Amino acid sequence: MTLHSHFACCRIRKIIYLICLLIPFTFVYIMYGFLSHTVLRFKITNVNSTKEQKLTGMSQVHPEVLKLVEDIQRCIWAKEVKTYTNIRSELRQCCDAFNLSVTSQQNTLEGSSIPYDGQPNKKVKITKHIFQMLPKTSPFKSKNYKLCAVVGNSGFLFNSSCGADIDKADFVFRCNLPGISAKYKADVGNKTDLVTANPSIFKSKYANLDESRKPFADAVTVFGEALLLMTPFTYQSNEISAYRAYFTLKDFQSKLTPVFLNSSYLKNLVRFWENRRIREHRLSTGLLLQSMAIELCDEVHLYGFWPFKTDATGRNVSYHYYDEVEVDHSVHVQLYEFLSHLKLHTQGVIRIQLGTCAKYNE
């Protein structure tokens, strides 16, 4: 290790220690590895206190967090094949996105009863009607993609010029029916291979599909022939809207393919991240898609994941780049997830966009 590298490690150790003091009801202990060439690695171990863990996040970027991000940006990212292979293998053993992430006729028996992921004391019976809605096999069976992009919805993507980079990926994951019209294309691209649909979107934008369904059918045409991943088996209240969306797409002959997230896969994935100190009532869509991508893809790049209301220059950052909705930190522990993203970035597992894509590609 060079003298410069030694001082860099000491500086970042101090930065993370100060960050830990800012996080309520928890202590985060960090052990650093080393600088090999120009790739920074570090290991974050999060130890919960005996108090109830509740992180509401910071509204603005704290100076010490900013220093950490700047230090990471100065390092050249490179994929670490051994580390990537190890975590990919662990995910496959526990979760198996290839065969189990999507509920199919192959992994779910007709007539069986499966517990809702968010209501384990309640079960949904897979009737003939529901069974016929399922694909015969997983859409990912025997698939492998070279480069994948997982695109979050943070306003951090404004003026990022990341659209072309995103569209170059072999497979693009997007979260919760985002805006990808022409006015956003330069920053977010428009290629979409899988897009999720949060049940709250059906309720807030489309009256739970209880009235006219054409606006929904028209709105999703921008996603082309993508998979539309929905979650009817997470909560009982999610079922009706997901089924309505399914039949709306069929009735209007949409090119989208509706599929349902497998609740067993999600349960195993929650356990996987709990063992890595991310404990949430529900995994965020971003972490779900990132996990799927690590299994399905040889290389994973993340865009639009930023948990703060301001960027490094103090510019306001909206929660979504396409609307002004306010962030709800009560559902997802976003700062912990962001630190996890940084950890995986420095380990050479994923590459996360932390600035404009012109700078990102330097």
Protein backbone atom coordinates (compact mmCIF):
# COMPACT_ATOMS: atom_id res chain seq x y z
CA MET A 1 0.00 0.00 0.00
CA THR A 2 1.37 3.42 -0.88
CA LEU A 3 1.65 6.22 1.68
CA HIS A 4 -1.11 8.10 -0.21
CA SER A 5 -3.38 5.04 -0.05
CA HIS A 6 -2.71 4.68 3.69
CA PHE A 7 -3.77 8.26 4.37
CA ALA A 8 -6.85 7.81 2.15
CA CYS A 9 -7.94 4.79 4.19
CA CYS A 10 -7.36 6.63 7.48
CA ARG A 11 -9.35 9.62 6.22
CA ILE A 12 -12.32 7.52 5.15
CA ARG A 13 -12.25 5.58 8.44
CA LYS A 14 -12.63 8.91 10.25
CA ILE A 15 -15.39 10.05 7.89
CA ILE A 16 -17.48 6.91 8.43
CA TYR A 17 -16.97 7.09 12.21
CA LEU A 18 -18.43 10.59 12.19
CA ILE A 19 -21.32 9.44 10.01
CA CYS A 20 -22.10 6.71 12.54
CA LEU A 21 -22.53 9.32 15.27
CA LEU A 22 -25.25 10.95 13.17
CA ILE A 23 -27.40 7.84 12.78
CA PRO A 24 -30.00 7.58 15.57
CA PHE A 25 -30.39 4.41 17.66
CA THR A 26 -27.68 2.43 15.95
CA PHE A 27 -23.92 2.08 15.77
CA VAL A 28 -22.21 1.22 12.53
CA TYR A 29 -18.75 -0.22 12.80
CA ILE A 30 -16.56 -0.12 9.75
CA MET A 31 -13.55 -2.26 8.97
CA TYR A 32 -11.53 -1.25 5.98
CA GLY A 33 -9.72 -3.47 3.58
CA PHE A 34 -7.11 -1.89 1.40
CA LEU A 35 -6.50 0.09 -1.77
CA SER A 36 -5.45 -2.14 -4.63
CA HIS A 37 -4.40 -0.06 -7.62
CA THR A 38 -7.11 2.64 -7.55
CA VAL A 39 -10.11 0.56 -6.42
CA LEU A 40 -11.30 1.34 -2.91
CA ARG A 41 -12.83 -1.37 -0.76
CA PHE A 42 -14.43 -1.22 2.64
CA LYS A 43 -16.64 -3.39 4.80
CA ILE A 44 -19.55 -1.99 6.80
CA THR A 45 -20.98 -4.03 9.62
CA ASN A 46 -24.11 -2.64 11.16
CA VAL A 47 -24.72 -3.63 14.78
CA ASN A 48 -28.19 -2.79 16.12
CA SER A 49 -28.52 -1.35 19.58
CA THR A 50 -31.05 -2.61 22.08
CA LYS A 51 -33.23 0.39 21.29
CA GLU A 52 -35.82 0.30 18.50
CA GLN A 53 -34.14 0.97 15.17
CA LYS A 54 -35.82 3.77 13.25
CA LEU A 55 -33.90 5.80 10.72
CA THR A 56 -35.60 8.77 9.17
CA GLY A 57 -32.58 9.79 7.14
CA MET A 58 -30.89 13.13 6.62
CA SER A 59 -32.61 15.75 4.50
CA GLN A 60 -29.34 17.22 3.25
CA VAL A 61 -25.98 15.69 2.50
CA HIS A 62 -23.83 15.94 5.61
CA PRO A 63 -20.30 17.23 4.83
CA GLU A 64 -18.71 13.98 5.99
CA VAL A 65 -21.00 11.91 3.78
CA LEU A 66 -20.10 14.18 0.91
CA LYS A 67 -16.38 13.65 1.56
CA LEU A 68 -16.93 9.91 1.48
CA VAL A 69 -18.74 10.10 -1.87
CA GLU A 70 -16.04 12.37 -3.30
CA ASP A 71 -13.30 9.98 -2.18
CA ILE A 72 -15.10 7.07 -3.82
CA GLN A 73 -15.57 9.06 -7.04
CA ARG A 74 -11.82 9.66 -7.25
CA CYS A 75 -11.21 5.93 -7.41
CA ILE A 76 -11.43 4.02 -10.68
CA TRP A 77 -14.16 1.39 -10.52
CA ALA A 78 -13.41 -2.12 -11.71
CA LYS A 79 -15.42 -5.29 -11.35
CA GLU A 80 -13.92 -7.73 -8.85
CA VAL A 81 -14.77 -11.10 -10.37
CA LYS A 82 -14.15 -13.21 -7.27
CA THR A 83 -16.24 -11.02 -4.96
CA TYR A 84 -19.02 -10.73 -7.54
CA THR A 85 -19.05 -14.48 -8.10
CA ASN A 86 -19.26 -15.14 -4.37
CA ILE A 87 -22.24 -12.88 -3.69
CA ARG A 88 -23.93 -14.07 -6.89
CA SER A 89 -23.51 -17.67 -5.74
CA GLU A 90 -24.92 -16.84 -2.29
CA LEU A 91 -27.97 -15.19 -3.85
CA ARG A 92 -28.57 -18.15 -6.14
CA GLN A 93 -28.36 -20.60 -3.24
CA CYS A 94 -30.77 -18.66 -1.05
CA CYS A 95 -33.15 -17.11 -3.55
CA ASP A 96 -32.74 -18.30 -7.18
CA ALA A 97 -34.03 -15.40 -9.26
CA PHE A 98 -33.70 -17.52 -12.41
CA ASN A 99 -36.46 -19.91 -11.39
CA LEU A 100 -38.24 -18.43 -8.38
CA SER A 101 -38.42 -14.63 -8.63
CA VAL A 102 -41.55 -14.80 -10.81
CA THR A 103 -44.53 -16.93 -9.79
CA SER A 104 -44.97 -19.57 -12.48
CA GLN A 105 -46.87 -22.79 -13.10
CA GLN A 106 -43.57 -24.59 -12.67
CA ASN A 107 -42.84 -23.35 -9.14
CA THR A 108 -46.42 -23.02 -7.84
CA LEU A 109 -48.98 -25.83 -7.76
CA GLU A 110 -52.60 -25.35 -8.74
CA GLY A 111 -54.74 -25.77 -5.63
CA SER A 112 -51.91 -24.92 -3.24
CA SER A 113 -52.12 -22.19 -0.63
CA ILE A 114 -49.27 -19.74 -0.20
CA PRO A 115 -48.86 -17.17 2.60
CA TYR A 116 -48.86 -13.49 1.79
CA ASP A 117 -45.36 -12.16 2.32
CA GLY A 118 -46.58 -9.21 4.39
CA GLN A 119 -49.34 -11.17 6.14
CA PRO A 120 -47.85 -14.61 6.89
CA ASN A 121 -50.93 -15.64 8.92
CA LYS A 122 -53.10 -15.31 5.81
CA LYS A 123 -52.89 -17.39 2.66
CA VAL A 124 -54.03 -17.12 -0.92
CA LYS A 125 -55.31 -20.24 -2.65
CA ILE A 126 -54.00 -20.72 -6.16
CA THR A 127 -57.27 -21.43 -7.90
CA LYS A 128 -57.50 -22.61 -11.50
CA HIS A 129 -58.36 -19.02 -12.44
CA ILE A 130 -55.16 -17.65 -10.83
CA PHE A 131 -53.04 -20.56 -12.06
CA GLN A 132 -53.98 -19.83 -15.65
CA MET A 133 -52.66 -16.27 -15.22
CA LEU A 134 -49.18 -17.58 -14.43
CA PRO A 135 -46.52 -18.20 -17.10
CA LYS A 136 -45.66 -21.85 -17.61
CA THR A 137 -42.02 -21.25 -16.69
CA SER A 138 -39.95 -18.36 -15.39
CA PRO A 139 -39.15 -15.73 -18.03
CA PHE A 140 -35.55 -15.82 -16.73
CA LYS A 141 -35.00 -19.56 -16.98
CA SER A 142 -31.72 -20.26 -18.80
CA LYS A 143 -31.19 -16.51 -19.35
CA ASN A 144 -28.00 -14.61 -18.67
CA TYR A 145 -27.32 -10.96 -19.50
CA LYS A 146 -23.92 -9.35 -19.91
CA LEU A 147 -24.60 -5.78 -18.68
CA CYS A 148 -27.68 -4.69 -16.76
CA ALA A 149 -28.87 -1.27 -15.62
CA VAL A 150 -31.06 -0.83 -12.56
CA VAL A 151 -32.65 2.61 -12.76
CA GLY A 152 -33.99 4.31 -9.65
CA ASN A 153 -36.28 7.32 -9.77
CA SER A 154 -34.38 9.95 -7.79
CA GLY A 155 -34.33 13.55 -9.01
CA PHE A 156 -30.56 13.05 -8.82
CA LEU A 157 -30.91 11.92 -12.46
CA PHE A 158 -31.83 15.45 -13.60
CA ASN A 159 -29.17 16.76 -16.00
CA SER A 160 -27.17 13.56 -15.53
CA SER A 161 -26.90 12.76 -19.25
CA CYS A 162 -27.15 9.08 -18.33
CA GLY A 163 -29.80 8.13 -20.88
CA ALA A 164 -27.42 6.82 -23.52
CA ASP A 165 -25.48 4.77 -20.97
CA ILE A 166 -28.66 3.22 -19.61
CA ASP A 167 -29.97 2.33 -23.06
CA LYS A 168 -26.70 0.56 -23.92
CA ALA A 169 -27.37 -2.09 -21.27
CA ASP A 170 -28.48 -5.54 -22.40
CA PHE A 171 -31.30 -5.54 -19.83
CA VAL A 172 -32.83 -2.50 -18.09
CA PHE A 173 -34.79 -2.71 -14.83
CA ARG A 174 -37.03 0.24 -13.88
CA CYS A 175 -39.00 0.99 -10.73
CA ASN A 176 -42.72 1.69 -10.37
CA LEU A 177 -43.89 2.91 -13.78
CA PRO A 178 -41.60 5.97 -14.03
CA GLY A 179 -41.78 8.72 -16.61
CA ILE A 180 -39.67 7.90 -19.68
CA SER A 181 -41.16 10.29 -22.21
CA ALA A 182 -39.01 12.27 -24.65
CA LYS A 183 -38.32 15.10 -22.19
CA TYR A 184 -36.54 12.67 -19.83
CA LYS A 185 -34.75 10.57 -22.44
CA ALA A 186 -31.38 12.33 -22.28
CA ASP A 187 -31.14 11.66 -18.55
CA VAL A 188 -32.90 8.32 -18.06
CA GLY A 189 -33.14 6.71 -21.50
CA ASN A 190 -36.23 4.78 -22.53
CA LYS A 191 -35.18 1.16 -22.97
CA THR A 192 -37.13 -1.04 -20.56
CA ASP A 193 -37.01 -4.81 -20.15
CA LEU A 194 -38.66 -5.06 -16.74
CA VAL A 195 -40.69 -2.45 -14.87
CA THR A 196 -42.40 -2.83 -11.53
CA ALA A 197 -45.81 -1.50 -10.53
CA ASN A 198 -46.38 -0.63 -6.90
CA PRO A 199 -50.01 -1.21 -5.80
CA SER A 200 -50.19 2.37 -4.53
CA ILE A 201 -49.78 3.59 -8.12
CA PHE A 202 -52.96 1.83 -9.19
CA LYS A 203 -54.78 3.53 -6.34
CA SER A 204 -53.34 7.05 -6.65
CA LYS A 205 -53.21 7.38 -10.45
CA TYR A 206 -55.83 5.00 -11.80
CA ALA A 207 -58.60 4.81 -9.15
CA ASN A 208 -57.53 1.25 -8.38
CA LEU A 209 -58.62 0.40 -11.96
CA ASP A 210 -62.18 0.41 -10.69
CA GLU A 211 -63.30 2.92 -13.34
CA SER A 212 -62.00 3.49 -16.87
CA ARG A 213 -58.94 1.34 -17.48
CA LYS A 214 -57.90 2.82 -20.81
CA PRO A 215 -55.73 5.58 -19.25
CA PHE A 216 -53.62 2.87 -17.62
CA ALA A 217 -53.40 0.81 -20.80
CA ASP A 218 -52.38 3.90 -22.76
CA ALA A 219 -49.83 5.07 -20.19
CA VAL A 220 -47.86 1.84 -20.12
CA THR A 221 -47.37 1.61 -23.88
CA VAL A 222 -44.11 3.57 -23.45
CA PHE A 223 -42.58 0.47 -21.86
CA GLY A 224 -42.90 -1.51 -25.06
CA GLU A 225 -42.56 -5.28 -24.68
CA ALA A 226 -41.23 -5.23 -21.12
CA LEU A 227 -42.20 -7.49 -18.25
CA LEU A 228 -44.58 -5.76 -15.81
CA LEU A 229 -43.76 -7.12 -12.35
CA MET A 230 -46.59 -6.81 -9.80
CA THR A 231 -47.04 -7.97 -6.19
CA PRO A 232 -50.50 -9.53 -5.61
CA PHE A 233 -49.14 -11.98 -3.03
CA THR A 234 -47.49 -9.48 -0.71
CA TYR A 235 -50.70 -8.27 0.95
CA GLN A 236 -54.26 -9.44 0.47
CA SER A 237 -55.27 -5.88 -0.43
CA ASN A 238 -52.87 -5.96 -3.41
CA GLU A 239 -54.60 -8.81 -5.21
CA ILE A 240 -57.56 -7.14 -6.87
CA SER A 241 -55.62 -4.26 -8.42
CA ALA A 242 -52.95 -6.61 -9.76
CA TYR A 243 -55.54 -8.90 -11.34
CA ARG A 244 -57.33 -5.90 -12.83
CA ALA A 245 -54.06 -4.66 -14.30
CA TYR A 246 -53.37 -8.11 -15.72
CA PHE A 247 -56.73 -8.29 -17.52
CA THR A 248 -56.54 -4.66 -18.62
CA LEU A 249 -53.31 -5.45 -20.47
CA LYS A 250 -54.86 -8.55 -22.01
CA ASP A 251 -58.09 -6.77 -22.98
CA PHE A 252 -56.25 -3.90 -24.65
CA GLN A 253 -53.78 -6.27 -26.32
CA SER A 254 -50.81 -4.60 -24.66
CA LYS A 255 -47.31 -5.66 -25.65
CA LEU A 256 -46.38 -5.77 -21.96
CA THR A 257 -46.19 -9.16 -20.26
CA PRO A 258 -47.71 -9.05 -16.75
CA VAL A 259 -46.03 -11.29 -14.16
CA PHE A 260 -46.31 -11.68 -10.39
CA LEU A 261 -43.49 -11.54 -7.86
CA ASN A 262 -43.05 -14.82 -5.97
CA SER A 263 -43.67 -14.25 -2.26
CA SER A 264 -41.31 -17.11 -1.29
CA TYR A 265 -38.51 -15.51 -3.28
CA LEU A 266 -39.13 -12.17 -1.57
CA LYS A 267 -39.16 -13.81 1.87
CA ASN A 268 -35.80 -15.47 1.21
CA LEU A 269 -34.38 -12.23 -0.15
CA VAL A 270 -35.40 -10.34 3.00
CA ARG A 271 -33.57 -12.95 5.06
CA PHE A 272 -30.50 -12.65 2.82
CA TRP A 273 -30.24 -8.89 3.42
CA GLU A 274 -31.06 -9.21 7.12
CA ASN A 275 -27.95 -11.35 7.44
CA ARG A 276 -26.08 -8.40 5.92
CA ARG A 277 -27.49 -5.93 8.46
CA ILE A 278 -30.24 -4.39 6.33
CA ARG A 279 -33.40 -4.93 8.31
CA GLU A 280 -36.57 -3.53 6.79
CA HIS A 281 -40.29 -4.11 7.10
CA ARG A 282 -40.25 -4.28 3.30
CA LEU A 283 -37.33 -4.31 0.92
CA SER A 284 -37.34 -1.34 -1.40
CA THR A 285 -38.02 -1.96 -5.08
CA GLY A 286 -34.49 -0.82 -5.86
CA LEU A 287 -32.87 -3.38 -3.57
CA LEU A 288 -35.17 -6.09 -4.94
CA LEU A 289 -34.17 -5.31 -8.54
CA GLN A 290 -30.50 -4.94 -7.68
CA SER A 291 -30.58 -8.40 -6.11
CA MET A 292 -32.27 -9.92 -9.15
CA ALA A 293 -29.75 -8.22 -11.44
CA ILE A 294 -26.71 -9.55 -9.58
CA GLU A 295 -28.00 -13.08 -10.18
CA LEU A 296 -29.12 -12.60 -13.76
CA CYS A 297 -26.34 -10.36 -15.08
CA ASP A 298 -22.57 -10.47 -15.41
CA GLU A 299 -22.24 -6.76 -14.55
CA VAL A 300 -24.66 -4.39 -12.82
CA HIS A 301 -24.77 -0.57 -12.97
CA LEU A 302 -27.10 1.47 -10.72
CA TYR A 303 -28.52 4.87 -11.64
CA GLY A 304 -30.78 7.28 -9.77
CA PHE A 305 -30.24 6.09 -6.21
CA TRP A 306 -29.68 9.06 -3.89
CA PRO A 307 -31.39 9.31 -0.46
CA PHE A 308 -30.91 13.03 0.21
CA LYS A 309 -32.95 16.12 -0.60
CA THR A 310 -29.89 17.98 -1.87
CA ASP A 311 -26.95 16.95 -4.00
CA ALA A 312 -23.25 17.66 -3.51
CA THR A 313 -23.66 21.25 -4.76
CA GLY A 314 -26.66 22.01 -2.54
CA ARG A 315 -29.12 21.73 -5.43
CA ASN A 316 -32.54 20.47 -4.36
CA VAL A 317 -33.20 16.88 -5.37
CA SER A 318 -36.78 15.68 -5.69
CA TYR A 319 -37.68 12.16 -4.56
CA HIS A 320 -38.75 11.32 -8.14
CA TYR A 321 -37.30 12.98 -11.24
CA TYR A 322 -40.75 13.03 -12.87
CA ASP A 323 -42.96 14.42 -10.04
CA GLU A 324 -42.87 16.26 -6.71
CA VAL A 325 -44.00 13.50 -4.36
CA GLU A 326 -42.53 13.69 -0.86
CA VAL A 327 -40.29 10.94 0.47
CA ASP A 328 -41.68 8.54 3.11
CA HIS A 329 -38.77 7.27 5.18
CA SER A 330 -41.09 5.23 7.42
CA VAL A 331 -41.18 2.39 4.89
CA HIS A 332 -37.59 1.97 3.73
CA VAL A 333 -34.31 2.61 5.55
CA GLN A 334 -32.83 4.47 2.61
CA LEU A 335 -29.59 5.65 4.15
CA TYR A 336 -28.67 2.09 5.13
CA GLU A 337 -29.42 0.93 1.61
CA PHE A 338 -27.32 3.74 0.17
CA LEU A 339 -24.38 2.77 2.38
CA SER A 340 -24.88 -0.82 1.21
CA HIS A 341 -24.76 0.37 -2.41
CA LEU A 342 -21.51 2.21 -1.68
CA LYS A 343 -20.07 -0.87 -0.03
CA LEU A 344 -20.89 -3.07 -3.01
CA HIS A 345 -19.51 -0.39 -5.36
CA THR A 346 -16.18 -0.30 -3.55
CA GLN A 347 -16.06 -4.10 -3.50
CA GLY A 348 -16.40 -4.15 -7.27
CA VAL A 349 -19.79 -5.87 -7.19
CA ILE A 350 -21.95 -3.06 -8.62
CA ARG A 351 -21.20 0.35 -10.08
CA ILE A 352 -23.34 3.22 -8.80
CA GLN A 353 -23.80 6.57 -10.52
CA LEU A 354 -22.71 9.33 -8.13
CA GLY A 355 -22.57 12.22 -10.58
CA THR A 356 -23.21 13.04 -14.20
CA CYS A 357 -22.50 10.22 -16.61
CA ALA A 358 -19.83 12.33 -18.34
CA LYS A 359 -17.92 12.31 -15.05
CA TYR A 360 -19.02 8.74 -14.32
CA ASN A 361 -17.29 7.55 -17.51
CA GLU A 362 -14.05 9.43 -17.03
